[in-house]
Amino acid sequence: MTKRYPGGITAVDGLDLRVREGEVLGFLGPNGAGKTTTMRMLVGLVRPTSGRIEVLGRPPGTPDRLARVGALIESPAFYPHLSGRDNLRLAARYAGAPERAADRVLTEVGLTDRAGSPFRTYSLGMKQRLGVAAALLKEPSLLILDEPTNGLDPAGVTDIRELLRTLGRRGHTVLLSSHVLGEVEQICDRIVVIDAGRLVADGTPDELRGSLGQAVLVIDADPADRAAECLRGHDGVRSVELADGRLRVTTDPALAAALNRRLVESGIDVRELRPVRHSLEEAFLSLTAPARPPVAGSEPPGREQEAATTTGGVR
């Protein structure tokens, strides 16, 4: 799928993307990567320049399929003089959902106590909650959310995170764009990363972290200086640093048992040996800014049917 705008701007460049039914998919990329344009094309707000899109097996914007899609893309827009509840009742009427659904979704997003207040009095975080609530009115099979935690305080972020987890457990499909990588890591089954409109990575959080290859082992051994000399030059060990009485060994984590054995056989006591994995943030920065080397050693904080598909060539 490709989207070009006048003036030679290519927002999405030959993107192939599959969202599998029942998964929570993280959709990541730096600002300007093409995430919002992609989401707008998935709901029929923007037409691709070339390529093909299917949402729940039909072209985007098809009425019977759109009835099964909930979306929050960019900032939510509501009537400022109406209450949150009345805005949702009006949205439900247009969406073909029962008006009583408004109270259900207000509870789900934690807005019941302010449901009667005018929308113009809502904070940014409350507006985001109401936008998520509107996306949930139809109990959608596919939920598309663009930065749903924008403006939320830590408690609000936690509430939305738990809501998305619950939706995933219920079998809803969720496409989630976010810059809060810690939330994505905790919520998503799979992560897709795009940069300059192109797909650069697709995998589980563990697979993306593992794409950086070498990791760091922290070893507490006695005597530490002898342990450092013992490990330097071992096959697969890239570097050994001694700091604050502990070793930081850059190597393949699969070698941990062999390194431990070498130390013990050399008469060195090993009190601790643990891997320090790369974070999702390091993997993201490595994928979207290859010239910036990752900083090693930061701590980490069966679905066949496809819910949404984009392909780079017209079929």
C-alpha atoms as a PDB file:
ATOM      1  CA  MET A   1       0.000   0.000   0.000  1.00  0.00           C
ATOM      2  CA  THR A   2       1.338   3.430  -0.958  1.00  0.00           C
ATOM      3  CA  LYS A   3       0.037   6.929  -0.261  1.00  0.00           C
ATOM      4  CA  ARG A   4       1.534   9.952  -1.984  1.00  0.00           C
ATOM      5  CA  TYR A   5       0.417  13.531  -1.465  1.00  0.00           C
ATOM      6  CA  PRO A   6       0.871  16.464  -3.829  1.00  0.00           C
ATOM      7  CA  GLY A   7       4.314  17.987  -3.716  1.00  0.00           C
ATOM      8  CA  GLY A   8       6.151  14.685  -3.844  1.00  0.00           C
ATOM      9  CA  ILE A   9       5.383  13.676  -0.245  1.00  0.00           C
ATOM     10  CA  THR A  10       5.204   9.902   0.237  1.00  0.00           C
ATOM     11  CA  ALA A  11       3.519   9.183   3.569  1.00  0.00           C
ATOM     12  CA  VAL A  12       3.271   5.388   3.147  1.00  0.00           C
ATOM     13  CA  ASP A  13       5.698   3.592   0.856  1.00  0.00           C
ATOM     14  CA  GLY A  14       4.883   0.029  -0.226  1.00  0.00           C
ATOM     15  CA  LEU A  15       3.663  -1.105   3.188  1.00  0.00           C
ATOM     16  CA  ASP A  16       2.632  -4.761   3.603  1.00  0.00           C
ATOM     17  CA  LEU A  17       0.796  -5.267   6.898  1.00  0.00           C
ATOM     18  CA  ARG A  18      -1.371  -8.015   8.357  1.00  0.00           C
ATOM     19  CA  VAL A  19      -3.389  -7.731  11.542  1.00  0.00           C
ATOM     20  CA  ARG A  20      -4.451 -11.176  12.715  1.00  0.00           C
ATOM     21  CA  GLU A  21      -7.847 -11.754  14.217  1.00  0.00           C
ATOM     22  CA  GLY A  22      -7.862 -11.727  18.013  1.00  0.00           C
ATOM     23  CA  GLU A  23      -4.432 -10.146  18.520  1.00  0.00           C
ATOM     24  CA  VAL A  24      -3.360  -6.865  20.079  1.00  0.00           C
ATOM     25  CA  LEU A  25      -0.903  -5.391  17.576  1.00  0.00           C
ATOM     26  CA  GLY A  26       1.399  -2.513  18.468  1.00  0.00           C
ATOM     27  CA  PHE A  27       1.943  -0.132  15.562  1.00  0.00           C
ATOM     28  CA  LEU A  28       5.101   1.869  16.200  1.00  0.00           C
ATOM     29  CA  GLY A  29       7.138   4.458  14.378  1.00  0.00           C
ATOM     30  CA  PRO A  30       8.641   7.905  14.883  1.00  0.00           C
ATOM     31  CA  ASN A  31       6.629  11.048  14.220  1.00  0.00           C
ATOM     32  CA  GLY A  32       5.889  11.322  10.507  1.00  0.00           C
ATOM     33  CA  ALA A  33       6.445   7.611   9.865  1.00  0.00           C
ATOM     34  CA  GLY A  34       2.977   7.157   8.309  1.00  0.00           C
ATOM     35  CA  LYS A  35       1.087   5.532  11.172  1.00  0.00           C
ATOM     36  CA  THR A  36      -1.892   7.887  11.238  1.00  0.00           C
ATOM     37  CA  THR A  37      -2.151   7.937   7.432  1.00  0.00           C
ATOM     38  CA  THR A  38      -2.238   4.124   7.461  1.00  0.00           C
ATOM     39  CA  MET A  39      -4.992   4.082  10.078  1.00  0.00           C
ATOM     40  CA  ARG A  40      -7.005   6.666   8.165  1.00  0.00           C
ATOM     41  CA  MET A  41      -6.784   4.478   5.062  1.00  0.00           C
ATOM     42  CA  LEU A  42      -7.941   1.429   7.036  1.00  0.00           C
ATOM     43  CA  VAL A  43     -11.216   3.145   7.921  1.00  0.00           C
ATOM     44  CA  GLY A  44     -11.759   4.702   4.497  1.00  0.00           C
ATOM     45  CA  LEU A  45     -10.996   8.324   5.407  1.00  0.00           C
ATOM     46  CA  VAL A  46      -8.084   8.433   2.938  1.00  0.00           C
ATOM     47  CA  ARG A  47      -7.660   6.480  -0.283  1.00  0.00           C
ATOM     48  CA  PRO A  48      -4.334   4.852  -1.098  1.00  0.00           C
ATOM     49  CA  THR A  49      -2.466   5.971  -4.199  1.00  0.00           C
ATOM     50  CA  SER A  50      -1.807   2.319  -5.015  1.00  0.00           C
ATOM     51  CA  GLY A  51      -2.169  -1.068  -3.396  1.00  0.00           C
ATOM     52  CA  ARG A  52      -5.050  -2.957  -1.894  1.00  0.00           C
ATOM     53  CA  ILE A  53      -6.644  -2.886   1.555  1.00  0.00           C
ATOM     54  CA  GLU A  54      -9.051  -5.350   3.150  1.00  0.00           C
ATOM     55  CA  VAL A  55     -10.679  -4.818   6.530  1.00  0.00           C
ATOM     56  CA  LEU A  56     -12.548  -7.840   7.852  1.00  0.00           C
ATOM     57  CA  GLY A  57     -12.457  -9.234   4.316  1.00  0.00           C
ATOM     58  CA  ARG A  58     -13.920  -6.192   2.538  1.00  0.00           C
ATOM     59  CA  PRO A  59     -12.668  -2.815   1.229  1.00  0.00           C
ATOM     60  CA  PRO A  60     -12.321  -0.137   3.934  1.00  0.00           C
ATOM     61  CA  GLY A  61     -15.430   1.941   4.518  1.00  0.00           C
ATOM     62  CA  THR A  62     -17.823  -0.845   3.431  1.00  0.00           C
ATOM     63  CA  PRO A  63     -20.913  -0.153   5.603  1.00  0.00           C
ATOM     64  CA  ASP A  64     -21.437  -3.680   6.947  1.00  0.00           C
ATOM     65  CA  ARG A  65     -17.744  -3.970   7.866  1.00  0.00           C
ATOM     66  CA  LEU A  66     -17.494  -0.419   9.205  1.00  0.00           C
ATOM     67  CA  ALA A  67     -20.276  -1.362  11.625  1.00  0.00           C
ATOM     68  CA  ARG A  68     -17.809  -3.832  13.194  1.00  0.00           C
ATOM     69  CA  VAL A  69     -14.916  -1.354  13.466  1.00  0.00           C
ATOM     70  CA  GLY A  70     -14.302   1.142  16.263  1.00  0.00           C
ATOM     71  CA  ALA A  71     -11.669   3.832  15.796  1.00  0.00           C
ATOM     72  CA  LEU A  72     -10.014   6.698  17.618  1.00  0.00           C
ATOM     73  CA  ILE A  73      -7.694   8.466  15.184  1.00  0.00           C
ATOM     74  CA  GLU A  74      -5.973  11.698  16.172  1.00  0.00           C
ATOM     75  CA  SER A  75      -7.919  13.951  18.585  1.00  0.00           C
ATOM     76  CA  PRO A  76     -11.516  13.011  19.428  1.00  0.00           C
ATOM     77  CA  ALA A  77     -14.140  15.562  18.350  1.00  0.00           C
ATOM     78  CA  PHE A  78     -17.446  16.035  20.188  1.00  0.00           C
ATOM     79  CA  TYR A  79     -20.055  18.749  20.640  1.00  0.00           C
ATOM     80  CA  PRO A  80     -18.619  21.024  23.354  1.00  0.00           C
ATOM     81  CA  HIS A  81     -21.975  22.051  24.873  1.00  0.00           C
ATOM     82  CA  LEU A  82     -23.267  18.466  25.249  1.00  0.00           C
ATOM     83  CA  SER A  83     -22.387  16.226  28.163  1.00  0.00           C
ATOM     84  CA  GLY A  84     -20.165  13.229  27.690  1.00  0.00           C
ATOM     85  CA  ARG A  85     -23.186  10.930  28.016  1.00  0.00           C
ATOM     86  CA  ASP A  86     -25.265  12.868  25.488  1.00  0.00           C
ATOM     87  CA  ASN A  87     -22.383  12.967  23.023  1.00  0.00           C
ATOM     88  CA  LEU A  88     -22.103   9.195  23.258  1.00  0.00           C
ATOM     89  CA  ARG A  89     -25.859   8.709  22.917  1.00  0.00           C
ATOM     90  CA  LEU A  90     -25.786  10.802  19.758  1.00  0.00           C
ATOM     91  CA  ALA A  91     -22.801   8.861  18.428  1.00  0.00           C
ATOM     92  CA  ALA A  92     -24.569   5.584  19.215  1.00  0.00           C
ATOM     93  CA  ARG A  93     -27.624   6.727  17.256  1.00  0.00           C
ATOM     94  CA  TYR A  94     -25.527   7.462  14.168  1.00  0.00           C
ATOM     95  CA  ALA A  95     -23.562   4.218  14.563  1.00  0.00           C
ATOM     96  CA  GLY A  96     -26.668   2.069  14.857  1.00  0.00           C
ATOM     97  CA  ALA A  97     -25.854   1.067  18.443  1.00  0.00           C
ATOM     98  CA  PRO A  98     -28.386   1.213  21.297  1.00  0.00           C
ATOM     99  CA  GLU A  99     -28.248   4.457  23.280  1.00  0.00           C
ATOM    100  CA  ARG A 100     -27.939   2.457  26.498  1.00  0.00           C
ATOM    101  CA  ALA A 101     -24.466   1.444  25.292  1.00  0.00           C
ATOM    102  CA  ALA A 102     -23.306   4.920  26.346  1.00  0.00           C
ATOM    103  CA  ASP A 103     -23.533   4.055  30.048  1.00  0.00           C
ATOM    104  CA  ARG A 104     -21.712   0.750  29.505  1.00  0.00           C
ATOM    105  CA  VAL A 105     -18.711   2.323  27.784  1.00  0.00           C
ATOM    106  CA  LEU A 106     -18.581   5.237  30.228  1.00  0.00           C
ATOM    107  CA  THR A 107     -18.104   2.670  32.975  1.00  0.00           C
ATOM    108  CA  GLU A 108     -15.459   0.819  30.986  1.00  0.00           C
ATOM    109  CA  VAL A 109     -13.315   3.937  30.551  1.00  0.00           C
ATOM    110  CA  GLY A 110     -13.899   5.292  34.065  1.00  0.00           C
ATOM    111  CA  LEU A 111     -15.923   8.405  33.186  1.00  0.00           C
ATOM    112  CA  THR A 112     -19.200   7.676  34.957  1.00  0.00           C
ATOM    113  CA  ASP A 113     -18.679  10.394  37.580  1.00  0.00           C
ATOM    114  CA  ARG A 114     -18.259  13.095  34.890  1.00  0.00           C
ATOM    115  CA  ALA A 115     -20.759  11.707  32.383  1.00  0.00           C
ATOM    116  CA  GLY A 116     -23.152  14.634  32.924  1.00  0.00           C
ATOM    117  CA  SER A 117     -20.532  17.370  32.529  1.00  0.00           C
ATOM    118  CA  PRO A 118     -20.225  19.324  29.258  1.00  0.00           C
ATOM    119  CA  PHE A 119     -17.456  18.110  26.986  1.00  0.00           C
ATOM    120  CA  ARG A 120     -15.866  21.578  26.994  1.00  0.00           C
ATOM    121  CA  THR A 121     -15.046  21.155  30.707  1.00  0.00           C
ATOM    122  CA  TYR A 122     -13.120  17.919  30.138  1.00  0.00           C
ATOM    123  CA  SER A 123      -9.347  17.731  30.531  1.00  0.00           C
ATOM    124  CA  LEU A 124      -7.225  16.332  27.690  1.00  0.00           C
ATOM    125  CA  GLY A 125      -7.109  12.945  29.386  1.00  0.00           C
ATOM    126  CA  MET A 126     -10.876  12.872  29.880  1.00  0.00           C
ATOM    127  CA  LYS A 127     -11.395  13.738  26.210  1.00  0.00           C
ATOM    128  CA  GLN A 128      -9.191  10.804  25.278  1.00  0.00           C
ATOM    129  CA  ARG A 129     -11.215   8.503  27.528  1.00  0.00           C
ATOM    130  CA  LEU A 130     -14.437   9.675  25.885  1.00  0.00           C
ATOM    131  CA  GLY A 131     -12.893   9.042  22.454  1.00  0.00           C
ATOM    132  CA  VAL A 132     -12.031   5.474  23.465  1.00  0.00           C
ATOM    133  CA  ALA A 133     -15.570   5.077  24.827  1.00  0.00           C
ATOM    134  CA  ALA A 134     -17.041   6.174  21.488  1.00  0.00           C
ATOM    135  CA  ALA A 135     -14.857   3.635  19.687  1.00  0.00           C
ATOM    136  CA  LEU A 136     -16.278   0.895  21.947  1.00  0.00           C
ATOM    137  CA  LEU A 137     -19.971   1.733  21.450  1.00  0.00           C
ATOM    138  CA  LYS A 138     -20.534  -0.922  18.757  1.00  0.00           C
ATOM    139  CA  GLU A 139     -18.573  -3.626  20.637  1.00  0.00           C
ATOM    140  CA  PRO A 140     -16.307  -3.758  17.566  1.00  0.00           C
ATOM    141  CA  SER A 141     -14.543  -6.810  16.218  1.00  0.00           C
ATOM    142  CA  LEU A 142     -11.643  -4.532  15.228  1.00  0.00           C
ATOM    143  CA  LEU A 143     -10.547  -1.576  17.342  1.00  0.00           C
ATOM    144  CA  ILE A 144      -8.120   0.973  15.841  1.00  0.00           C
ATOM    145  CA  LEU A 145      -6.592   3.345  18.387  1.00  0.00           C
ATOM    146  CA  ASP A 146      -4.158   6.160  17.619  1.00  0.00           C
ATOM    147  CA  GLU A 147      -2.328   7.267  20.806  1.00  0.00           C
ATOM    148  CA  PRO A 148      -5.243   6.432  23.147  1.00  0.00           C
ATOM    149  CA  THR A 149      -3.257   7.265  26.313  1.00  0.00           C
ATOM    150  CA  ASN A 150      -2.246  10.754  25.133  1.00  0.00           C
ATOM    151  CA  GLY A 151      -2.782  13.224  27.974  1.00  0.00           C
ATOM    152  CA  LEU A 152      -3.694  10.592  30.563  1.00  0.00           C
ATOM    153  CA  ASP A 153      -2.187  10.590  34.037  1.00  0.00           C
ATOM    154  CA  PRO A 154      -0.488   7.374  35.279  1.00  0.00           C
ATOM    155  CA  ALA A 155      -3.755   6.057  36.751  1.00  0.00           C
ATOM    156  CA  GLY A 156      -5.552   6.690  33.464  1.00  0.00           C
ATOM    157  CA  VAL A 157      -2.808   4.964  31.484  1.00  0.00           C
ATOM    158  CA  THR A 158      -3.128   1.944  33.764  1.00  0.00           C
ATOM    159  CA  ASP A 159      -6.921   1.893  33.333  1.00  0.00           C
ATOM    160  CA  ILE A 160      -6.704   1.983  29.526  1.00  0.00           C
ATOM    161  CA  ARG A 161      -3.985  -0.666  29.577  1.00  0.00           C
ATOM    162  CA  GLU A 162      -6.176  -3.005  31.620  1.00  0.00           C
ATOM    163  CA  LEU A 163      -9.145  -2.288  29.341  1.00  0.00           C
ATOM    164  CA  LEU A 164      -7.126  -3.215  26.244  1.00  0.00           C
ATOM    165  CA  ARG A 165      -5.890  -6.385  27.917  1.00  0.00           C
ATOM    166  CA  THR A 166      -9.492  -7.295  28.721  1.00  0.00           C
ATOM    167  CA  LEU A 167     -10.564  -6.649  25.129  1.00  0.00           C
ATOM    168  CA  GLY A 168      -7.757  -8.877  23.898  1.00  0.00           C
ATOM    169  CA  ARG A 169      -8.833 -11.672  26.222  1.00  0.00           C
ATOM    170  CA  ARG A 170     -12.410 -11.340  24.901  1.00  0.00           C
ATOM    171  CA  GLY A 171     -11.162 -11.956  21.354  1.00  0.00           C
ATOM    172  CA  HIS A 172     -11.339  -8.398  20.060  1.00  0.00           C
ATOM    173  CA  THR A 173      -8.661  -7.397  17.567  1.00  0.00           C
ATOM    174  CA  VAL A 174      -6.791  -4.222  18.526  1.00  0.00           C
ATOM    175  CA  LEU A 175      -4.457  -2.122  16.363  1.00  0.00           C
ATOM    176  CA  LEU A 176      -2.699   0.243  18.754  1.00  0.00           C
ATOM    177  CA  SER A 177      -0.414   3.138  17.870  1.00  0.00           C
ATOM    178  CA  SER A 178       1.516   4.556  20.804  1.00  0.00           C
ATOM    179  CA  HIS A 179       4.771   6.247  21.763  1.00  0.00           C
ATOM    180  CA  VAL A 180       4.602   4.781  25.278  1.00  0.00           C
ATOM    181  CA  LEU A 181       6.804   1.772  24.601  1.00  0.00           C
ATOM    182  CA  GLY A 182       6.474   0.361  28.112  1.00  0.00           C
ATOM    183  CA  GLU A 183       2.701   0.136  27.647  1.00  0.00           C
ATOM    184  CA  VAL A 184       3.063  -1.446  24.207  1.00  0.00           C
ATOM    185  CA  GLU A 185       5.454  -4.023  25.637  1.00  0.00           C
ATOM    186  CA  GLN A 186       2.987  -5.025  28.340  1.00  0.00           C
ATOM    187  CA  ILE A 187      -0.158  -5.055  26.194  1.00  0.00           C
ATOM    188  CA  CYS A 188       0.736  -6.234  22.694  1.00  0.00           C
ATOM    189  CA  ASP A 189       1.080  -9.757  21.344  1.00  0.00           C
ATOM    190  CA  ARG A 190       3.010  -8.528  18.308  1.00  0.00           C
ATOM    191  CA  ILE A 191       4.677  -5.294  17.247  1.00  0.00           C
ATOM    192  CA  VAL A 192       5.105  -3.734  13.820  1.00  0.00           C
ATOM    193  CA  VAL A 193       7.577  -0.886  13.355  1.00  0.00           C
ATOM    194  CA  ILE A 194       7.476   1.454  10.357  1.00  0.00           C
ATOM    195  CA  ASP A 195       9.847   4.247   9.410  1.00  0.00           C
ATOM    196  CA  ALA A 196       9.471   6.695   6.499  1.00  0.00           C
ATOM    197  CA  GLY A 197       6.335   4.789   5.479  1.00  0.00           C
ATOM    198  CA  ARG A 198       8.117   1.439   5.201  1.00  0.00           C
ATOM    199  CA  LEU A 199       7.947  -1.686   7.316  1.00  0.00           C
ATOM    200  CA  VAL A 200      11.223  -2.176   9.218  1.00  0.00           C
ATOM    201  CA  ALA A 201      10.292  -4.841  11.808  1.00  0.00           C
ATOM    202  CA  ASP A 202       7.522  -7.299  12.634  1.00  0.00           C
ATOM    203  CA  GLY A 203       7.627  -9.652  15.633  1.00  0.00           C
ATOM    204  CA  THR A 204       6.892 -10.227  19.295  1.00  0.00           C
ATOM    205  CA  PRO A 205       8.440  -7.877  21.876  1.00  0.00           C
ATOM    206  CA  ASP A 206      11.017 -10.570  22.707  1.00  0.00           C
ATOM    207  CA  GLU A 207      11.891 -11.016  19.035  1.00  0.00           C
ATOM    208  CA  LEU A 208      12.411  -7.280  18.576  1.00  0.00           C
ATOM    209  CA  ARG A 209      14.634  -7.065  21.631  1.00  0.00           C
ATOM    210  CA  GLY A 210      16.549 -10.128  20.451  1.00  0.00           C
ATOM    211  CA  SER A 211      17.136  -8.520  17.053  1.00  0.00           C
ATOM    212  CA  LEU A 212      19.919  -6.490  18.645  1.00  0.00           C
ATOM    213  CA  GLY A 213      21.952  -9.661  19.007  1.00  0.00           C
ATOM    214  CA  GLN A 214      24.570  -9.346  21.755  1.00  0.00           C
ATOM    215  CA  ALA A 215      23.375  -8.834  25.313  1.00  0.00           C
ATOM    216  CA  VAL A 216      25.030  -8.209  28.667  1.00  0.00           C
ATOM    217  CA  LEU A 217      25.585 -10.672  31.501  1.00  0.00           C
ATOM    218  CA  VAL A 218      26.111  -9.247  34.980  1.00  0.00           C
ATOM    219  CA  ILE A 219      28.383 -11.528  37.013  1.00  0.00           C
ATOM    220  CA  ASP A 220      29.227 -11.226  40.711  1.00  0.00           C
ATOM    221  CA  ALA A 221      32.339 -13.388  41.150  1.00  0.00           C
ATOM    222  CA  ASP A 222      35.202 -13.591  43.664  1.00  0.00           C
ATOM    223  CA  PRO A 223      37.919 -12.654  42.996  1.00  0.00           C
ATOM    224  CA  ALA A 224      36.475 -10.328  40.381  1.00  0.00           C
ATOM    225  CA  ASP A 225      39.785  -9.406  38.709  1.00  0.00           C
ATOM    226  CA  ARG A 226      40.667 -13.068  38.125  1.00  0.00           C
ATOM    227  CA  ALA A 227      37.177 -13.699  36.783  1.00  0.00           C
ATOM    228  CA  ALA A 228      37.599 -10.846  34.300  1.00  0.00           C
ATOM    229  CA  GLU A 229      40.905 -12.257  33.037  1.00  0.00           C
ATOM    230  CA  CYS A 230      39.386 -15.743  32.823  1.00  0.00           C
ATOM    231  CA  LEU A 231      36.572 -14.593  30.557  1.00  0.00           C
ATOM    232  CA  ARG A 232      38.533 -12.253  28.296  1.00  0.00           C
ATOM    233  CA  GLY A 233      39.310 -14.022  25.049  1.00  0.00           C
ATOM    234  CA  HIS A 234      36.627 -16.688  25.530  1.00  0.00           C
ATOM    235  CA  ASP A 235      34.868 -17.526  22.275  1.00  0.00           C
ATOM    236  CA  GLY A 236      31.753 -15.401  21.861  1.00  0.00           C
ATOM    237  CA  VAL A 237      32.726 -12.818  24.496  1.00  0.00           C
ATOM    238  CA  ARG A 238      32.916  -9.373  22.935  1.00  0.00           C
ATOM    239  CA  SER A 239      33.957  -7.369  25.983  1.00  0.00           C
ATOM    240  CA  VAL A 240      34.428  -7.669  29.747  1.00  0.00           C
ATOM    241  CA  GLU A 241      34.169  -4.647  32.038  1.00  0.00           C
ATOM    242  CA  LEU A 242      34.724  -4.555  35.790  1.00  0.00           C
ATOM    243  CA  ALA A 243      32.725  -1.898  37.651  1.00  0.00           C
ATOM    244  CA  ASP A 244      31.658  -1.660  41.293  1.00  0.00           C
ATOM    245  CA  GLY A 245      33.006  -5.150  41.940  1.00  0.00           C
ATOM    246  CA  ARG A 246      30.865  -6.802  39.246  1.00  0.00           C
ATOM    247  CA  LEU A 247      31.543  -7.915  35.711  1.00  0.00           C
ATOM    248  CA  ARG A 248      29.516  -6.767  32.730  1.00  0.00           C
ATOM    249  CA  VAL A 249      30.121  -9.245  29.939  1.00  0.00           C
ATOM    250  CA  THR A 250      28.856  -8.483  26.435  1.00  0.00           C
ATOM    251  CA  THR A 251      28.085 -11.815  24.804  1.00  0.00           C
ATOM    252  CA  ASP A 252      25.391 -14.155  23.553  1.00  0.00           C
ATOM    253  CA  PRO A 253      23.109 -14.981  26.536  1.00  0.00           C
ATOM    254  CA  ALA A 254      23.121 -18.627  25.375  1.00  0.00           C
ATOM    255  CA  LEU A 255      26.761 -18.813  26.538  1.00  0.00           C
ATOM    256  CA  ALA A 256      25.843 -18.093  30.170  1.00  0.00           C
ATOM    257  CA  ALA A 257      26.123 -21.737  31.282  1.00  0.00           C
ATOM    258  CA  ALA A 258      29.498 -22.214  29.545  1.00  0.00           C
ATOM    259  CA  LEU A 259      30.924 -19.028  31.082  1.00  0.00           C
ATOM    260  CA  ASN A 260      29.684 -20.023  34.533  1.00  0.00           C
ATOM    261  CA  ARG A 261      31.288 -23.453  34.128  1.00  0.00           C
ATOM    262  CA  ARG A 262      34.608 -21.909  33.069  1.00  0.00           C
ATOM    263  CA  LEU A 263      34.677 -19.678  36.131  1.00  0.00           C
ATOM    264  CA  VAL A 264      33.845 -22.494  38.564  1.00  0.00           C
ATOM    265  CA  GLU A 265      36.423 -24.833  37.006  1.00  0.00           C
ATOM    266  CA  SER A 266      38.994 -22.077  37.436  1.00  0.00           C
ATOM    267  CA  GLY A 267      38.323 -21.977  41.183  1.00  0.00           C
ATOM    268  CA  ILE A 268      36.324 -18.733  41.102  1.00  0.00           C
ATOM    269  CA  ASP A 269      33.221 -18.406  43.259  1.00  0.00           C
ATOM    270  CA  VAL A 270      30.158 -17.229  41.315  1.00  0.00           C
ATOM    271  CA  ARG A 271      27.556 -15.558  43.523  1.00  0.00           C
ATOM    272  CA  GLU A 272      25.350 -14.214  40.770  1.00  0.00           C
ATOM    273  CA  LEU A 273      25.017 -14.479  36.992  1.00  0.00           C
ATOM    274  CA  ARG A 274      22.087 -12.879  35.250  1.00  0.00           C
ATOM    275  CA  PRO A 275      21.302 -11.502  31.791  1.00  0.00           C
ATOM    276  CA  VAL A 276      20.365  -7.868  31.316  1.00  0.00           C
ATOM    277  CA  ARG A 277      18.165  -7.737  28.247  1.00  0.00           C
ATOM    278  CA  HIS A 278      17.922  -4.966  25.740  1.00  0.00           C
ATOM    279  CA  SER A 279      14.795  -2.878  26.163  1.00  0.00           C
ATOM    280  CA  LEU A 280      12.101  -2.371  23.557  1.00  0.00           C
ATOM    281  CA  GLU A 281      13.155   1.286  23.455  1.00  0.00           C
ATOM    282  CA  GLU A 282      16.701   0.283  22.414  1.00  0.00           C
ATOM    283  CA  ALA A 283      15.315  -1.974  19.703  1.00  0.00           C
ATOM    284  CA  PHE A 284      13.004   0.796  18.467  1.00  0.00           C
ATOM    285  CA  LEU A 285      15.827   3.348  18.306  1.00  0.00           C
ATOM    286  CA  SER A 286      18.082   0.876  16.533  1.00  0.00           C
ATOM    287  CA  LEU A 287      15.424   0.119  13.929  1.00  0.00           C
ATOM    288  CA  THR A 288      14.404   3.706  13.252  1.00  0.00           C
ATOM    289  CA  ALA A 289      17.810   5.390  13.674  1.00  0.00           C
ATOM    290  CA  PRO A 290      20.435   2.837  12.538  1.00  0.00           C
ATOM    291  CA  ALA A 291      23.276   5.318  12.859  1.00  0.00           C
ATOM    292  CA  ARG A 292      22.697   5.490  16.614  1.00  0.00           C
ATOM    293  CA  PRO A 293      24.147   2.368  18.298  1.00  0.00           C
ATOM    294  CA  PRO A 294      22.001   0.804  21.033  1.00  0.00           C
ATOM    295  CA  VAL A 295      23.112   1.149  24.626  1.00  0.00           C
ATOM    296  CA  ALA A 296      23.430  -2.394  25.922  1.00  0.00           C
ATOM    297  CA  GLY A 297      22.336  -3.398  29.362  1.00  0.00           C
ATOM    298  CA  SER A 298      19.195  -1.494  30.284  1.00  0.00           C
ATOM    299  CA  GLU A 299      16.622  -3.296  32.391  1.00  0.00           C
ATOM    300  CA  PRO A 300      13.363  -4.352  30.825  1.00  0.00           C
ATOM    301  CA  PRO A 301      10.421  -2.834  32.548  1.00  0.00           C
ATOM    302  CA  GLY A 302      -2.670 -19.835  16.597  1.00  0.00           C
ATOM    303  CA  ARG A 303      -4.614 -17.094  14.834  1.00  0.00           C
ATOM    304  CA  GLU A 304      -5.014 -17.735  11.146  1.00  0.00           C
ATOM    305  CA  GLN A 305      -7.806 -15.430  10.005  1.00  0.00           C
ATOM    306  CA  GLU A 306      -6.622 -11.905   9.264  1.00  0.00           C
ATOM    307  CA  ALA A 307      -8.639  -8.958  10.536  1.00  0.00           C
ATOM    308  CA  ALA A 308      -6.908  -6.395   8.339  1.00  0.00           C
ATOM    309  CA  THR A 309      -4.510  -6.654   5.420  1.00  0.00           C
ATOM    310  CA  THR A 310      -2.655  -4.173   3.277  1.00  0.00           C
ATOM    311  CA  THR A 311      -0.499  -5.168   0.339  1.00  0.00           C
ATOM    312  CA  GLY A 312       2.010  -3.209  -1.663  1.00  0.00           C
ATOM    313  CA  GLY A 313       0.856  -4.287  -5.107  1.00  0.00           C
ATOM    314  CA  VAL A 314      -2.528  -3.991  -6.764  1.00  0.00           C
ATOM    315  CA  ARG A 315      -4.136  -7.409  -7.204  1.00  0.00           C
END
